[in-house]
Amino acid sequence: MSKDEKVRGYHGGDVDSVISVEEVTRQAAAIAEDITIEQLDELAGNEPHVSINNLVAGYGQMEILHNLNLRVGKAQSLCLIGPNGAGKSTILHAIFGFNRIFSGSIEIGSSADRVDITQLTPNQKLSQAGIAYILQDKSIFPGMTVEENLWMGGFLKDKPAEAREAAEKVFDKYSRLADRRKHKAGVLSGGERRLLEISRALVMNPEVLLVDEPSIGLEPRFIDMVFEILDDLQNTEGKTIIMVEQNAKKGLEFADIGYVLVSGELAIAGKGDDLLKNPKVGELFLGG
């Protein structure tokens, strides 16, 4: 390969060579730091709204997360980065109840009214704890209209009329969807589908949004739009956001806090801006 020839590196960014996931994992493990609960609390403003304590979780008999701790404050954003297989999405699955928890706890709320939600079902976490999961791409119902997709977001409402009322509030907020309310969701652009996925989660008016790969498969202009929407939800509506993002640079630029995961453990934690400036993180995840 010539000096001027570039290839796409791990998680975006132009680099001179590509290294394997195994090598990324090895190098990331080598720069792992000892991180205390006090440090995590400080990053969360010493008043965490979502707390994960010594969590061991996985699928079937396989443990993926090993004694993981996590803290994020109300109206804060946390971005999880790391090599494939590090356990990033497994954290979102554990919070929402999609996998098996072997030990540890997940709590929500301030110190005065903190509630253990570890054993709640996904439906209970959505309706009782105010946690919504925004899946990766292709979670909409393409044969339904935009309006019908939004109504589906309110499936836990006591009455259908409540879901429709909540959907109207979403339409009031996002005219782009309102203009297409009678269109089949399958004809929407990639950015519009992602907006619909986010909006459908808002019908239940959650406090916490778990966002899995918001930029995946999108053109750059739609990526910017999605992050602008998430920024508004956090900073205008006070939503707490925990995100997994394959575009590590974009995710850390957005988030207040960044965690680097390696082999199911927390390797590095810091402010998003500080991780962007960390040369070791940059070399492995940000294209050098």
Protein backbone atom coordinates (compact mmCIF):
# COMPACT_ATOMS: atom_id res chain seq x y z
CA MET A 1 0.00 0.00 0.00
CA SER A 2 1.42 3.40 -0.92
CA LYS A 3 1.86 6.13 1.65
CA ASP A 4 -0.99 8.13 0.16
CA GLU A 5 -3.37 5.16 0.05
CA LYS A 6 -5.86 5.00 2.91
CA VAL A 7 -8.34 2.44 4.12
CA ARG A 8 -11.18 2.64 6.56
CA GLY A 9 -10.06 1.91 10.12
CA TYR A 10 -11.91 0.49 13.08
CA HIS A 11 -15.07 2.50 13.85
CA GLY A 12 -14.41 5.20 11.30
CA GLY A 13 -11.57 7.55 10.48
CA ASP A 14 -8.93 7.25 7.78
CA VAL A 15 -5.84 5.32 8.87
CA ASP A 16 -2.84 3.73 7.18
CA SER A 17 -3.68 0.18 8.22
CA VAL A 18 -6.44 -1.95 9.64
CA ILE A 19 -6.01 -4.01 12.78
CA SER A 20 -8.19 -6.91 13.82
CA VAL A 21 -10.83 -6.77 16.51
CA GLU A 22 -8.66 -9.12 18.57
CA GLU A 23 -5.71 -6.73 18.33
CA VAL A 24 -7.91 -3.75 19.21
CA THR A 25 -9.15 -5.68 22.24
CA ARG A 26 -5.60 -6.53 23.29
CA GLN A 27 -4.37 -2.95 22.94
CA ALA A 28 -7.45 -1.51 24.66
CA ALA A 29 -6.98 -3.91 27.58
CA ALA A 30 -3.38 -2.72 27.86
CA ILE A 31 -4.47 0.91 28.40
CA ALA A 32 -7.27 0.07 30.83
CA GLU A 33 -7.36 2.15 34.00
CA ASP A 34 -8.43 1.45 37.58
CA ILE A 35 -11.76 3.23 37.84
CA THR A 36 -13.47 3.81 41.19
CA ILE A 37 -17.14 4.23 41.97
CA GLU A 38 -16.28 7.69 43.23
CA GLN A 39 -14.94 8.64 39.81
CA LEU A 40 -18.08 7.34 38.11
CA ASP A 41 -20.25 9.24 40.59
CA GLU A 42 -18.30 12.43 39.93
CA LEU A 43 -18.81 12.09 36.18
CA ALA A 44 -22.54 11.75 36.88
CA GLY A 45 -22.57 14.96 38.92
CA ASN A 46 -22.60 12.96 42.16
CA GLU A 47 -26.33 12.37 41.66
CA PRO A 48 -26.74 9.42 39.30
CA HIS A 49 -30.17 8.76 37.84
CA VAL A 50 -29.26 5.35 36.43
CA SER A 51 -26.91 3.15 38.47
CA ILE A 52 -25.53 -0.28 37.60
CA ASN A 53 -23.79 -2.06 40.44
CA ASN A 54 -21.38 -5.01 40.03
CA LEU A 55 -23.47 -6.40 37.20
CA VAL A 56 -22.82 -9.86 35.83
CA ALA A 57 -25.04 -10.50 32.79
CA GLY A 58 -25.16 -12.36 29.51
CA TYR A 59 -27.13 -14.85 27.46
CA GLY A 60 -28.02 -18.40 28.45
CA GLN A 61 -25.08 -19.67 30.47
CA MET A 62 -22.59 -17.24 28.92
CA GLU A 63 -21.43 -14.27 30.99
CA ILE A 64 -20.67 -11.19 28.87
CA LEU A 65 -20.52 -8.43 31.51
CA HIS A 66 -18.25 -8.95 34.49
CA ASN A 67 -18.91 -6.91 37.66
CA LEU A 68 -19.75 -3.83 35.61
CA ASN A 69 -20.51 -0.48 37.24
CA LEU A 70 -22.17 2.46 35.48
CA ARG A 71 -23.44 5.88 36.51
CA VAL A 72 -25.27 8.56 34.50
CA GLY A 73 -27.12 11.59 35.84
CA LYS A 74 -30.54 12.91 34.94
CA ALA A 75 -30.50 14.75 31.60
CA GLN A 76 -26.96 13.50 30.93
CA SER A 77 -25.77 11.43 28.00
CA LEU A 78 -23.39 8.48 28.09
CA CYS A 79 -21.79 6.91 25.02
CA LEU A 80 -20.43 3.36 25.14
CA ILE A 81 -17.60 2.53 22.74
CA GLY A 82 -15.28 -0.41 22.34
CA PRO A 83 -14.41 -3.27 19.98
CA ASN A 84 -17.01 -5.69 18.69
CA GLY A 85 -17.97 -8.17 21.38
CA ALA A 86 -17.01 -5.83 24.23
CA GLY A 87 -20.51 -5.95 25.72
CA LYS A 88 -21.83 -2.53 24.72
CA SER A 89 -25.26 -3.60 23.48
CA THR A 90 -25.40 -6.18 26.26
CA ILE A 91 -25.48 -3.28 28.73
CA LEU A 92 -28.53 -1.80 26.99
CA HIS A 93 -30.15 -5.25 26.90
CA ALA A 94 -29.51 -5.73 30.62
CA ILE A 95 -30.98 -2.37 31.55
CA PHE A 96 -34.14 -3.09 29.54
CA GLY A 97 -34.47 -6.73 30.55
CA PHE A 98 -33.57 -8.48 27.29
CA ASN A 99 -30.95 -10.83 28.71
CA ARG A 100 -30.01 -12.82 31.79
CA ILE A 101 -28.68 -11.13 34.91
CA PHE A 102 -26.62 -13.46 37.08
CA SER A 103 -25.86 -10.97 39.87
CA GLY A 104 -25.65 -7.28 40.64
CA SER A 105 -28.35 -4.61 40.40
CA ILE A 106 -29.77 -1.86 38.20
CA GLU A 107 -31.33 1.13 39.93
CA ILE A 108 -33.09 4.26 38.76
CA GLY A 109 -33.85 7.53 40.53
CA SER A 110 -32.05 9.94 42.82
CA SER A 111 -30.58 8.91 46.16
CA ALA A 112 -33.80 9.91 47.93
CA ASP A 113 -36.11 7.74 45.82
CA ARG A 114 -33.87 5.17 44.12
CA VAL A 115 -35.67 2.01 42.98
CA ASP A 116 -34.19 -1.38 42.12
CA ILE A 117 -35.50 -2.35 38.66
CA THR A 118 -33.23 -5.34 38.03
CA GLN A 119 -35.97 -7.94 37.82
CA LEU A 120 -38.66 -5.89 36.07
CA THR A 121 -39.82 -7.05 32.64
CA PRO A 122 -39.24 -4.84 29.58
CA ASN A 123 -42.91 -3.80 29.63
CA GLN A 124 -42.63 -2.84 33.30
CA LYS A 125 -39.42 -0.93 32.68
CA LEU A 126 -41.16 1.07 29.97
CA SER A 127 -44.47 1.69 31.76
CA GLN A 128 -43.27 1.93 35.39
CA ALA A 129 -39.62 3.01 35.26
CA GLY A 130 -39.82 5.24 32.18
CA ILE A 131 -37.10 3.47 30.20
CA ALA A 132 -37.44 3.15 26.40
CA TYR A 133 -35.25 1.14 24.05
CA ILE A 134 -34.64 2.52 20.57
CA LEU A 135 -33.52 -0.43 18.49
CA GLN A 136 -31.09 -0.48 15.60
CA ASP A 137 -32.42 0.06 12.10
CA LYS A 138 -35.35 -1.91 10.64
CA SER A 139 -37.59 -1.91 13.70
CA ILE A 140 -40.47 -0.01 12.09
CA PHE A 141 -43.52 -1.69 10.54
CA PRO A 142 -43.11 -0.85 6.82
CA GLY A 143 -46.63 -1.89 5.85
CA MET A 144 -48.22 0.42 8.41
CA THR A 145 -48.55 4.16 8.05
CA VAL A 146 -46.37 6.56 9.99
CA GLU A 147 -49.36 7.32 12.18
CA GLU A 148 -50.04 3.65 12.89
CA ASN A 149 -46.38 3.10 13.78
CA LEU A 150 -46.61 5.86 16.36
CA TRP A 151 -49.79 4.35 17.81
CA MET A 152 -47.87 1.10 18.25
CA GLY A 153 -45.47 2.98 20.50
CA GLY A 154 -48.33 3.48 22.96
CA PHE A 155 -49.31 -0.18 23.19
CA LEU A 156 -48.99 -0.06 26.99
CA LYS A 157 -51.35 2.88 27.36
CA ASP A 158 -54.58 2.03 29.20
CA LYS A 159 -56.73 3.28 26.32
CA PRO A 160 -56.09 3.57 22.55
CA ALA A 161 -57.18 7.20 22.69
CA GLU A 162 -54.25 7.93 25.03
CA ALA A 163 -51.79 6.54 22.49
CA ARG A 164 -53.36 8.66 19.75
CA GLU A 165 -53.18 11.78 21.91
CA ALA A 166 -49.51 11.11 22.67
CA ALA A 167 -48.84 10.54 18.96
CA GLU A 168 -50.36 13.94 18.16
CA LYS A 169 -47.86 15.56 20.53
CA VAL A 170 -45.07 13.88 18.60
CA PHE A 171 -46.52 15.13 15.32
CA ASP A 172 -46.66 18.63 16.80
CA LYS A 173 -42.96 18.36 17.57
CA TYR A 174 -41.81 16.84 14.28
CA SER A 175 -43.59 18.34 11.27
CA ARG A 176 -41.50 16.14 8.98
CA LEU A 177 -43.42 13.13 10.31
CA ALA A 178 -46.74 14.96 10.45
CA ASP A 179 -46.48 15.69 6.73
CA ARG A 180 -46.14 11.96 6.09
CA ARG A 181 -48.56 10.62 8.68
CA LYS A 182 -50.68 8.74 6.11
CA HIS A 183 -47.71 7.42 4.13
CA LYS A 184 -46.55 3.84 4.49
CA ALA A 185 -43.48 3.78 6.70
CA GLY A 186 -41.67 1.63 4.15
CA VAL A 187 -41.36 4.56 1.72
CA LEU A 188 -39.58 6.85 4.18
CA SER A 189 -35.94 7.80 3.74
CA GLY A 190 -33.34 6.33 6.07
CA GLY A 191 -33.27 9.48 8.19
CA GLU A 192 -37.05 9.64 8.37
CA ARG A 193 -37.24 5.99 9.46
CA ARG A 194 -34.76 6.69 12.26
CA LEU A 195 -36.80 9.72 13.29
CA LEU A 196 -39.90 7.52 13.37
CA GLU A 197 -38.11 4.93 15.51
CA ILE A 198 -37.08 7.60 18.00
CA SER A 199 -40.51 9.23 17.93
CA ARG A 200 -42.33 5.95 18.52
CA ALA A 201 -40.34 5.52 21.74
CA LEU A 202 -41.41 9.01 22.85
CA VAL A 203 -45.12 8.12 22.83
CA MET A 204 -44.75 6.62 26.32
CA ASN A 205 -42.94 9.79 27.48
CA PRO A 206 -39.91 7.95 28.90
CA GLU A 207 -37.28 9.54 31.13
CA VAL A 208 -34.42 7.33 29.94
CA LEU A 209 -33.62 6.50 26.31
CA LEU A 210 -31.46 3.50 25.44
CA VAL A 211 -30.23 4.20 21.91
CA ASP A 212 -28.55 1.42 19.94
CA GLU A 213 -26.38 2.57 17.01
CA PRO A 214 -28.34 5.69 15.97
CA SER A 215 -26.08 6.44 12.99
CA ILE A 216 -25.86 2.95 11.51
CA GLY A 217 -26.67 2.82 7.80
CA LEU A 218 -27.37 6.55 7.49
CA GLU A 219 -25.96 9.15 5.11
CA PRO A 220 -23.92 11.91 6.85
CA ARG A 221 -26.70 14.51 6.52
CA PHE A 222 -29.15 12.20 8.27
CA ILE A 223 -26.60 11.35 10.97
CA ASP A 224 -26.38 15.04 11.84
CA MET A 225 -30.17 15.28 11.93
CA VAL A 226 -30.49 12.33 14.30
CA PHE A 227 -27.90 13.72 16.71
CA GLU A 228 -29.61 17.10 16.64
CA ILE A 229 -32.85 15.36 17.65
CA LEU A 230 -31.12 13.50 20.47
CA ASP A 231 -29.47 16.73 21.63
CA ASP A 232 -32.87 18.40 21.79
CA LEU A 233 -34.36 15.48 23.74
CA GLN A 234 -31.55 15.68 26.28
CA ASN A 235 -31.08 19.40 26.67
CA THR A 236 -34.63 20.68 26.06
CA GLU A 237 -36.76 17.84 27.40
CA GLY A 238 -34.36 16.55 30.05
CA LYS A 239 -34.09 12.97 28.80
CA THR A 240 -31.25 10.78 30.05
CA ILE A 241 -29.55 9.02 27.14
CA ILE A 242 -27.37 5.89 27.20
CA MET A 243 -26.05 5.17 23.74
CA VAL A 244 -24.02 2.61 21.85
CA GLU A 245 -22.50 4.23 18.77
CA GLN A 246 -20.26 2.62 16.14
CA ASN A 247 -19.08 6.07 15.02
CA ALA A 248 -17.03 6.62 18.18
CA LYS A 249 -15.99 10.16 17.26
CA LYS A 250 -19.56 11.29 16.65
CA GLY A 251 -20.80 9.59 19.80
CA LEU A 252 -18.14 11.15 22.04
CA GLU A 253 -18.66 14.59 20.47
CA PHE A 254 -22.32 14.29 21.47
CA ALA A 255 -22.08 12.68 24.91
CA ASP A 256 -21.30 14.20 28.29
CA ILE A 257 -19.64 10.96 29.40
CA GLY A 258 -17.81 8.21 27.52
CA TYR A 259 -17.03 4.66 28.58
CA VAL A 260 -14.62 2.35 26.78
CA LEU A 261 -15.65 -1.30 27.20
CA VAL A 262 -13.25 -4.21 26.73
CA SER A 263 -14.24 -7.86 27.14
CA GLY A 264 -17.28 -7.05 29.26
CA GLU A 265 -15.43 -4.74 31.63
CA LEU A 266 -15.04 -0.98 31.96
CA ALA A 267 -11.57 -0.01 30.74
CA ILE A 268 -11.71 3.80 30.59
CA ALA A 269 -14.28 6.36 31.73
CA GLY A 270 -14.22 10.11 31.32
CA LYS A 271 -15.91 13.16 29.91
CA GLY A 272 -16.68 12.77 26.22
CA ASP A 273 -14.41 15.69 25.34
CA ASP A 274 -11.55 14.22 27.38
CA LEU A 275 -11.78 10.85 25.63
CA LEU A 276 -11.72 12.63 22.27
CA LYS A 277 -8.39 14.20 23.31
CA ASN A 278 -6.98 10.93 24.69
CA PRO A 279 -4.33 9.83 22.16
CA LYS A 280 -4.65 6.16 23.12
CA VAL A 281 -8.40 6.22 22.59
CA GLY A 282 -7.90 8.17 19.39
CA GLU A 283 -5.45 5.67 17.97
CA LEU A 284 -7.75 2.70 18.58
CA PHE A 285 -11.23 4.10 18.01
CA LEU A 286 -11.09 7.52 16.35
CA GLY A 287 -8.88 6.92 13.34
CA GLY A 288 -5.63 8.08 14.90
